[in-house]
C-alpha atoms as a PDB file:
ATOM      1  CA  UNK A   1     -22.062  -5.429  12.557  1.00  0.00           C
ATOM      2  CA  UNK A   2     -21.555  -8.310  10.176  1.00  0.00           C
ATOM      3  CA  UNK A   3     -21.170 -12.016   9.553  1.00  0.00           C
ATOM      4  CA  UNK A   4     -18.001 -13.869   8.559  1.00  0.00           C
ATOM      5  CA  UNK A   5     -17.413 -16.876   6.347  1.00  0.00           C
ATOM      6  CA  UNK A   6     -20.259 -16.796   3.871  1.00  0.00           C
ATOM      7  CA  UNK A   7     -20.181 -18.346   0.411  1.00  0.00           C
ATOM      8  CA  UNK A   8     -21.396 -16.653  -2.758  1.00  0.00           C
ATOM      9  CA  UNK A   9     -25.060 -17.681  -2.493  1.00  0.00           C
ATOM     10  CA  UNK A  10     -25.288 -16.104   0.970  1.00  0.00           C
ATOM     11  CA  UNK A  11     -23.193 -12.939   0.589  1.00  0.00           C
ATOM     12  CA  UNK A  12     -26.188 -10.619   0.379  1.00  0.00           C
ATOM     13  CA  UNK A  13     -28.343 -12.288   3.027  1.00  0.00           C
ATOM     14  CA  UNK A  14     -26.947 -10.161   5.910  1.00  0.00           C
ATOM     15  CA  UNK A  15     -28.009  -6.940   4.168  1.00  0.00           C
ATOM     16  CA  UNK A  16     -31.650  -7.997   4.603  1.00  0.00           C
ATOM     17  CA  UNK A  17     -31.065  -7.753   8.340  1.00  0.00           C
ATOM     18  CA  UNK A  18     -29.039  -4.546   8.464  1.00  0.00           C
ATOM     19  CA  UNK A  19     -25.707  -6.392   8.514  1.00  0.00           C
ATOM     20  CA  UNK A  20     -22.853  -6.960   6.085  1.00  0.00           C
ATOM     21  CA  UNK A  21     -20.716  -9.939   5.107  1.00  0.00           C
ATOM     22  CA  UNK A  22     -17.325  -9.195   6.662  1.00  0.00           C
ATOM     23  CA  UNK A  23     -15.380 -12.146   5.221  1.00  0.00           C
ATOM     24  CA  UNK A  24     -16.094 -14.204   2.120  1.00  0.00           C
ATOM     25  CA  UNK A  25     -15.174 -17.839   1.739  1.00  0.00           C
ATOM     26  CA  UNK A  26     -12.433 -18.369  -0.813  1.00  0.00           C
ATOM     27  CA  UNK A  27     -11.579 -21.257  -3.142  1.00  0.00           C
ATOM     28  CA  UNK A  28      -9.191 -23.254  -0.935  1.00  0.00           C
ATOM     29  CA  UNK A  29     -10.004 -25.671   1.876  1.00  0.00           C
ATOM     30  CA  UNK A  30      -8.288 -26.352   5.177  1.00  0.00           C
ATOM     31  CA  UNK A  31      -6.696 -29.551   3.852  1.00  0.00           C
ATOM     32  CA  UNK A  32      -6.187 -28.553   0.196  1.00  0.00           C
ATOM     33  CA  UNK A  33      -4.655 -25.115  -0.092  1.00  0.00           C
ATOM     34  CA  UNK A  34      -1.873 -22.999  -1.503  1.00  0.00           C
ATOM     35  CA  UNK A  35       1.009 -25.147  -0.260  1.00  0.00           C
ATOM     36  CA  UNK A  36       0.555 -27.585  -3.164  1.00  0.00           C
ATOM     37  CA  UNK A  37       1.728 -26.259  -6.561  1.00  0.00           C
ATOM     38  CA  UNK A  38      -0.560 -28.720  -8.313  1.00  0.00           C
ATOM     39  CA  UNK A  39      -3.514 -26.755  -6.898  1.00  0.00           C
ATOM     40  CA  UNK A  40      -2.313 -23.342  -8.022  1.00  0.00           C
ATOM     41  CA  UNK A  41      -3.817 -23.188 -11.511  1.00  0.00           C
ATOM     42  CA  UNK A  42      -7.262 -24.117 -10.211  1.00  0.00           C
ATOM     43  CA  UNK A  43      -6.998 -21.733  -7.259  1.00  0.00           C
ATOM     44  CA  UNK A  44      -5.957 -18.881  -9.531  1.00  0.00           C
ATOM     45  CA  UNK A  45      -8.886 -19.568 -11.887  1.00  0.00           C
ATOM     46  CA  UNK A  46     -11.271 -19.668  -8.943  1.00  0.00           C
ATOM     47  CA  UNK A  47      -9.855 -16.419  -7.565  1.00  0.00           C
ATOM     48  CA  UNK A  48     -10.258 -14.769 -10.959  1.00  0.00           C
ATOM     49  CA  UNK A  49     -13.929 -15.748 -10.771  1.00  0.00           C
ATOM     50  CA  UNK A  50     -14.544 -14.986  -7.109  1.00  0.00           C
ATOM     51  CA  UNK A  51     -12.621 -11.833  -6.298  1.00  0.00           C
ATOM     52  CA  UNK A  52     -14.517  -9.461  -8.648  1.00  0.00           C
ATOM     53  CA  UNK A  53     -17.782 -10.882  -7.318  1.00  0.00           C
ATOM     54  CA  UNK A  54     -16.629 -10.461  -3.723  1.00  0.00           C
ATOM     55  CA  UNK A  55     -16.013  -6.769  -4.422  1.00  0.00           C
ATOM     56  CA  UNK A  56     -19.308  -6.365  -6.281  1.00  0.00           C
ATOM     57  CA  UNK A  57     -21.073  -7.747  -3.213  1.00  0.00           C
ATOM     58  CA  UNK A  58     -19.466  -5.013  -1.092  1.00  0.00           C
ATOM     59  CA  UNK A  59     -17.081  -7.370   0.719  1.00  0.00           C
ATOM     60  CA  UNK A  60     -13.423  -6.437   1.143  1.00  0.00           C
ATOM     61  CA  UNK A  61     -11.908  -9.644   2.580  1.00  0.00           C
ATOM     62  CA  UNK A  62     -11.684 -13.250   1.418  1.00  0.00           C
ATOM     63  CA  UNK A  63     -10.284 -16.214   3.346  1.00  0.00           C
ATOM     64  CA  UNK A  64      -7.784 -18.791   2.096  1.00  0.00           C
ATOM     65  CA  UNK A  65      -5.933 -21.687   3.716  1.00  0.00           C
ATOM     66  CA  UNK A  66      -2.442 -23.151   3.536  1.00  0.00           C
ATOM     67  CA  UNK A  67      -3.521 -26.800   3.333  1.00  0.00           C
ATOM     68  CA  UNK A  68      -2.171 -29.762   5.274  1.00  0.00           C
ATOM     69  CA  UNK A  69       1.529 -30.554   5.504  1.00  0.00           C
ATOM     70  CA  UNK A  70       1.262 -34.221   4.448  1.00  0.00           C
ATOM     71  CA  UNK A  71       5.019 -34.560   4.996  1.00  0.00           C
ATOM     72  CA  UNK A  72       5.948 -31.188   3.495  1.00  0.00           C
ATOM     73  CA  UNK A  73       8.490 -29.095   5.397  1.00  0.00           C
ATOM     74  CA  UNK A  74       7.471 -25.655   6.645  1.00  0.00           C
ATOM     75  CA  UNK A  75      10.071 -23.958   4.439  1.00  0.00           C
ATOM     76  CA  UNK A  76       8.802 -25.740   1.336  1.00  0.00           C
ATOM     77  CA  UNK A  77       5.180 -25.045   2.250  1.00  0.00           C
ATOM     78  CA  UNK A  78       5.929 -21.365   2.736  1.00  0.00           C
ATOM     79  CA  UNK A  79       7.678 -21.186  -0.617  1.00  0.00           C
ATOM     80  CA  UNK A  80       4.784 -22.844  -2.439  1.00  0.00           C
ATOM     81  CA  UNK A  81       2.147 -20.724  -0.686  1.00  0.00           C
ATOM     82  CA  UNK A  82       4.019 -17.543  -1.541  1.00  0.00           C
ATOM     83  CA  UNK A  83       4.333 -18.540  -5.198  1.00  0.00           C
ATOM     84  CA  UNK A  84       0.620 -19.258  -5.501  1.00  0.00           C
ATOM     85  CA  UNK A  85      -0.509 -16.192  -3.596  1.00  0.00           C
ATOM     86  CA  UNK A  86       1.714 -13.884  -5.641  1.00  0.00           C
ATOM     87  CA  UNK A  87      -0.351 -14.965  -8.650  1.00  0.00           C
ATOM     88  CA  UNK A  88      -3.644 -13.863  -7.058  1.00  0.00           C
ATOM     89  CA  UNK A  89      -2.722 -10.750  -5.053  1.00  0.00           C
ATOM     90  CA  UNK A  90      -2.628  -8.563  -8.207  1.00  0.00           C
ATOM     91  CA  UNK A  91      -6.244  -9.581  -8.830  1.00  0.00           C
ATOM     92  CA  UNK A  92      -7.109  -8.752  -5.223  1.00  0.00           C
ATOM     93  CA  UNK A  93      -5.348  -5.404  -5.429  1.00  0.00           C
ATOM     94  CA  UNK A  94      -7.141  -4.504  -8.666  1.00  0.00           C
ATOM     95  CA  UNK A  95     -10.506  -5.041  -6.995  1.00  0.00           C
ATOM     96  CA  UNK A  96      -9.693  -3.694  -3.531  1.00  0.00           C
ATOM     97  CA  UNK A  97      -9.978  -7.050  -1.746  1.00  0.00           C
ATOM     98  CA  UNK A  98      -7.638  -8.300   0.977  1.00  0.00           C
ATOM     99  CA  UNK A  99      -6.904 -12.018   1.058  1.00  0.00           C
ATOM    100  CA  UNK A 100      -6.389 -13.405   4.568  1.00  0.00           C
ATOM    101  CA  UNK A 101      -4.936 -16.787   5.501  1.00  0.00           C
ATOM    102  CA  UNK A 102      -6.170 -18.188   8.788  1.00  0.00           C
ATOM    103  CA  UNK A 103      -3.928 -19.494  11.543  1.00  0.00           C
ATOM    104  CA  UNK A 104      -5.432 -22.775  12.788  1.00  0.00           C
ATOM    105  CA  UNK A 105      -4.205 -25.098  15.504  1.00  0.00           C
ATOM    106  CA  UNK A 106      -2.817 -28.464  14.424  1.00  0.00           C
ATOM    107  CA  UNK A 107      -2.860 -29.783  17.992  1.00  0.00           C
ATOM    108  CA  UNK A 108      -6.590 -30.257  18.651  1.00  0.00           C
ATOM    109  CA  UNK A 109      -8.854 -29.282  15.769  1.00  0.00           C
ATOM    110  CA  UNK A 110      -6.968 -29.398  12.475  1.00  0.00           C
ATOM    111  CA  UNK A 111      -4.247 -32.019  12.587  1.00  0.00           C
ATOM    112  CA  UNK A 112      -1.363 -31.418  10.180  1.00  0.00           C
ATOM    113  CA  UNK A 113      -2.498 -27.943   9.052  1.00  0.00           C
ATOM    114  CA  UNK A 114       0.550 -25.981   7.931  1.00  0.00           C
ATOM    115  CA  UNK A 115      -0.227 -22.364   8.851  1.00  0.00           C
ATOM    116  CA  UNK A 116      -0.356 -23.123  12.570  1.00  0.00           C
ATOM    117  CA  UNK A 117       2.166 -20.587  13.908  1.00  0.00           C
ATOM    118  CA  UNK A 118       2.073 -16.808  13.751  1.00  0.00           C
ATOM    119  CA  UNK A 119       5.758 -16.457  12.893  1.00  0.00           C
ATOM    120  CA  UNK A 120       5.323 -18.770   9.891  1.00  0.00           C
ATOM    121  CA  UNK A 121       2.295 -16.805   8.719  1.00  0.00           C
ATOM    122  CA  UNK A 122       4.064 -13.466   9.166  1.00  0.00           C
ATOM    123  CA  UNK A 123       7.008 -14.802   7.148  1.00  0.00           C
ATOM    124  CA  UNK A 124       4.542 -15.733   4.416  1.00  0.00           C
ATOM    125  CA  UNK A 125       3.072 -12.220   4.433  1.00  0.00           C
ATOM    126  CA  UNK A 126       6.570 -10.806   3.954  1.00  0.00           C
ATOM    127  CA  UNK A 127       7.348 -13.322   1.202  1.00  0.00           C
ATOM    128  CA  UNK A 128       4.171 -12.463  -0.723  1.00  0.00           C
ATOM    129  CA  UNK A 129       4.947  -8.769  -0.328  1.00  0.00           C
ATOM    130  CA  UNK A 130       1.495  -7.368  -1.078  1.00  0.00           C
ATOM    131  CA  UNK A 131      -0.698  -5.082   1.056  1.00  0.00           C
ATOM    132  CA  UNK A 132      -3.596  -7.240  -0.138  1.00  0.00           C
ATOM    133  CA  UNK A 133      -2.426 -10.361   1.694  1.00  0.00           C
ATOM    134  CA  UNK A 134      -2.571 -10.608   5.498  1.00  0.00           C
ATOM    135  CA  UNK A 135      -3.127 -13.120   8.290  1.00  0.00           C
ATOM    136  CA  UNK A 136      -6.365 -13.986   9.992  1.00  0.00           C
ATOM    137  CA  UNK A 137      -5.173 -14.221  13.581  1.00  0.00           C
ATOM    138  CA  UNK A 138      -7.584 -16.622  15.268  1.00  0.00           C
ATOM    139  CA  UNK A 139      -6.996 -16.090  18.977  1.00  0.00           C
ATOM    140  CA  UNK A 140      -8.505 -19.435  19.961  1.00  0.00           C
ATOM    141  CA  UNK A 141      -6.198 -21.360  17.640  1.00  0.00           C
ATOM    142  CA  UNK A 142      -3.151 -19.236  18.457  1.00  0.00           C
ATOM    143  CA  UNK A 143      -3.625 -19.741  22.195  1.00  0.00           C
ATOM    144  CA  UNK A 144      -3.711 -23.519  21.763  1.00  0.00           C
ATOM    145  CA  UNK A 145      -0.567 -23.564  19.608  1.00  0.00           C
ATOM    146  CA  UNK A 146       1.671 -20.943  21.173  1.00  0.00           C
ATOM    147  CA  UNK A 147      -0.006 -18.777  23.820  1.00  0.00           C
ATOM    148  CA  UNK A 148       1.616 -15.378  24.507  1.00  0.00           C
ATOM    149  CA  UNK A 149      -1.248 -13.800  22.568  1.00  0.00           C
ATOM    150  CA  UNK A 150      -0.765 -10.127  23.380  1.00  0.00           C
ATOM    151  CA  UNK A 151       2.983 -10.071  22.761  1.00  0.00           C
ATOM    152  CA  UNK A 152       2.507 -12.030  19.524  1.00  0.00           C
ATOM    153  CA  UNK A 153      -0.194  -9.799  18.065  1.00  0.00           C
ATOM    154  CA  UNK A 154       1.836  -6.730  18.951  1.00  0.00           C
ATOM    155  CA  UNK A 155       4.970  -8.127  17.330  1.00  0.00           C
ATOM    156  CA  UNK A 156       3.122  -9.090  14.144  1.00  0.00           C
ATOM    157  CA  UNK A 157       0.484  -6.354  13.989  1.00  0.00           C
ATOM    158  CA  UNK A 158       1.547  -5.290  10.510  1.00  0.00           C
ATOM    159  CA  UNK A 159       0.889  -8.798   9.187  1.00  0.00           C
ATOM    160  CA  UNK A 160      -2.615  -9.182  10.665  1.00  0.00           C
ATOM    161  CA  UNK A 161      -5.705  -8.190   8.704  1.00  0.00           C
ATOM    162  CA  UNK A 162      -8.543  -9.886  10.604  1.00  0.00           C
ATOM    163  CA  UNK A 163      -9.229 -11.471  14.004  1.00  0.00           C
ATOM    164  CA  UNK A 164     -11.386 -14.285  15.349  1.00  0.00           C
ATOM    165  CA  UNK A 165     -12.242 -14.877  18.998  1.00  0.00           C
ATOM    166  CA  UNK A 166     -13.374 -17.851  21.088  1.00  0.00           C
ATOM    167  CA  UNK A 167     -12.764 -19.146  24.576  1.00  0.00           C
ATOM    168  CA  UNK A 168     -10.048 -21.699  25.354  1.00  0.00           C
ATOM    169  CA  UNK A 169     -10.570 -24.559  25.948  1.00  0.00           C
ATOM    170  CA  UNK A 170     -13.706 -25.620  24.115  1.00  0.00           C
ATOM    171  CA  UNK A 171     -14.287 -22.698  21.741  1.00  0.00           C
ATOM    172  CA  UNK A 172     -17.132 -21.303  23.842  1.00  0.00           C
ATOM    173  CA  UNK A 173     -18.026 -17.897  25.307  1.00  0.00           C
ATOM    174  CA  UNK A 174     -15.449 -15.248  26.203  1.00  0.00           C
ATOM    175  CA  UNK A 175     -16.320 -15.516  29.888  1.00  0.00           C
ATOM    176  CA  UNK A 176     -14.804 -16.561  33.218  1.00  0.00           C
ATOM    177  CA  UNK A 177     -15.067 -20.259  32.337  1.00  0.00           C
ATOM    178  CA  UNK A 178     -12.098 -20.024  29.967  1.00  0.00           C
ATOM    179  CA  UNK A 179      -8.476 -18.970  30.277  1.00  0.00           C
ATOM    180  CA  UNK A 180      -8.048 -15.882  28.083  1.00  0.00           C
ATOM    181  CA  UNK A 181      -8.413 -12.271  29.266  1.00  0.00           C
ATOM    182  CA  UNK A 182     -10.307 -10.953  26.268  1.00  0.00           C
ATOM    183  CA  UNK A 183     -10.704  -7.432  27.622  1.00  0.00           C
ATOM    184  CA  UNK A 184      -6.917  -7.095  27.761  1.00  0.00           C
ATOM    185  CA  UNK A 185      -6.514  -8.738  24.352  1.00  0.00           C
ATOM    186  CA  UNK A 186      -9.082  -6.384  22.805  1.00  0.00           C
ATOM    187  CA  UNK A 187      -7.282  -3.396  24.305  1.00  0.00           C
ATOM    188  CA  UNK A 188      -3.978  -4.624  22.914  1.00  0.00           C
ATOM    189  CA  UNK A 189      -5.508  -5.036  19.441  1.00  0.00           C
ATOM    190  CA  UNK A 190      -6.965  -1.521  19.558  1.00  0.00           C
ATOM    191  CA  UNK A 191      -3.656  -0.086  20.742  1.00  0.00           C
ATOM    192  CA  UNK A 192      -1.859  -1.474  17.665  1.00  0.00           C
ATOM    193  CA  UNK A 193      -4.059   0.829  15.576  1.00  0.00           C
ATOM    194  CA  UNK A 194      -5.966  -2.048  14.001  1.00  0.00           C
ATOM    195  CA  UNK A 195      -9.006  -0.819  12.061  1.00  0.00           C
ATOM    196  CA  UNK A 196     -10.327  -4.077  10.654  1.00  0.00           C
ATOM    197  CA  UNK A 197     -12.789  -6.658  11.932  1.00  0.00           C
ATOM    198  CA  UNK A 198     -12.735  -8.679  15.150  1.00  0.00           C
ATOM    199  CA  UNK A 199     -15.247 -11.475  14.594  1.00  0.00           C
ATOM    200  CA  UNK A 200     -16.706 -13.664  17.344  1.00  0.00           C
ATOM    201  CA  UNK A 201     -16.488 -17.298  16.300  1.00  0.00           C
ATOM    202  CA  UNK A 202     -17.486 -19.291  19.356  1.00  0.00           C
ATOM    203  CA  UNK A 203     -20.048 -22.008  20.014  1.00  0.00           C
ATOM    204  CA  UNK A 204     -22.375 -20.705  22.746  1.00  0.00           C
ATOM    205  CA  UNK A 205     -23.358 -22.912  25.659  1.00  0.00           C
ATOM    206  CA  UNK A 206     -25.863 -20.342  26.882  1.00  0.00           C
ATOM    207  CA  UNK A 207     -28.441 -18.213  25.079  1.00  0.00           C
ATOM    208  CA  UNK A 208     -26.684 -17.235  21.825  1.00  0.00           C
ATOM    209  CA  UNK A 209     -27.779 -13.588  21.824  1.00  0.00           C
ATOM    210  CA  UNK A 210     -26.867 -13.116  25.484  1.00  0.00           C
ATOM    211  CA  UNK A 211     -23.477 -14.676  24.797  1.00  0.00           C
ATOM    212  CA  UNK A 212     -22.931 -12.447  21.785  1.00  0.00           C
ATOM    213  CA  UNK A 213     -23.845  -9.331  23.786  1.00  0.00           C
ATOM    214  CA  UNK A 214     -21.390 -10.385  26.486  1.00  0.00           C
ATOM    215  CA  UNK A 215     -18.621 -10.920  23.921  1.00  0.00           C
ATOM    216  CA  UNK A 216     -19.231  -7.545  22.280  1.00  0.00           C
ATOM    217  CA  UNK A 217     -19.225  -5.785  25.654  1.00  0.00           C
ATOM    218  CA  UNK A 218     -16.051  -7.579  26.707  1.00  0.00           C
ATOM    219  CA  UNK A 219     -14.218  -6.523  23.556  1.00  0.00           C
ATOM    220  CA  UNK A 220     -15.472  -2.932  23.414  1.00  0.00           C
ATOM    221  CA  UNK A 221     -12.512  -0.790  24.470  1.00  0.00           C
ATOM    222  CA  UNK A 222     -11.183   2.722  24.051  1.00  0.00           C
ATOM    223  CA  UNK A 223      -8.181   3.094  21.813  1.00  0.00           C
ATOM    224  CA  UNK A 224      -5.250   4.827  23.492  1.00  0.00           C
ATOM    225  CA  UNK A 225      -4.072   8.139  22.025  1.00  0.00           C
ATOM    226  CA  UNK A 226      -1.221   7.602  19.569  1.00  0.00           C
END
């Protein structure tokens, strides 16, 4: 068991409670990311600082973001992201850290965010060409943008290195008050052979621990024989 999305000052807090940090915050932000070449030098310097420390803290994944479009075409954004990420993946590989870029919806929560489609993100993974760069497939965001979750995660399984869950709409519990069948989604993820982390990232309306137990139970499945 672990906790996602912690910054450097908090990386070791989970260990005091028998947990681990499963995903470290990286140097980019949702609006200012790798799609702008003018950010690359700073992002590379920050990655040179952060990635060795991420590994020293026992964490093997770090999140990054594409940034907002701000009028940039998807092809140009992909090209710029790939160029910047190719400068930092050798650092990540040296230290055994996987960099993951999150898919976010640009329809409801993060207007104008560029990495808002799985196909675009998978194309970026191929363009970067490193085993140390993958997608963070956020099921909540992907459902809002494109739906067809199970087919999509199957088709792009090789590009996905981390998952987030939450109910749609509203980003609440994984229960009958929302539209996704998380038991089936969890089974599909397991059947791809995925061995990484599926993190629950919802805002509970009910008792938080009860909601977390329900989410864990819902997503606990048996992997089919391969």
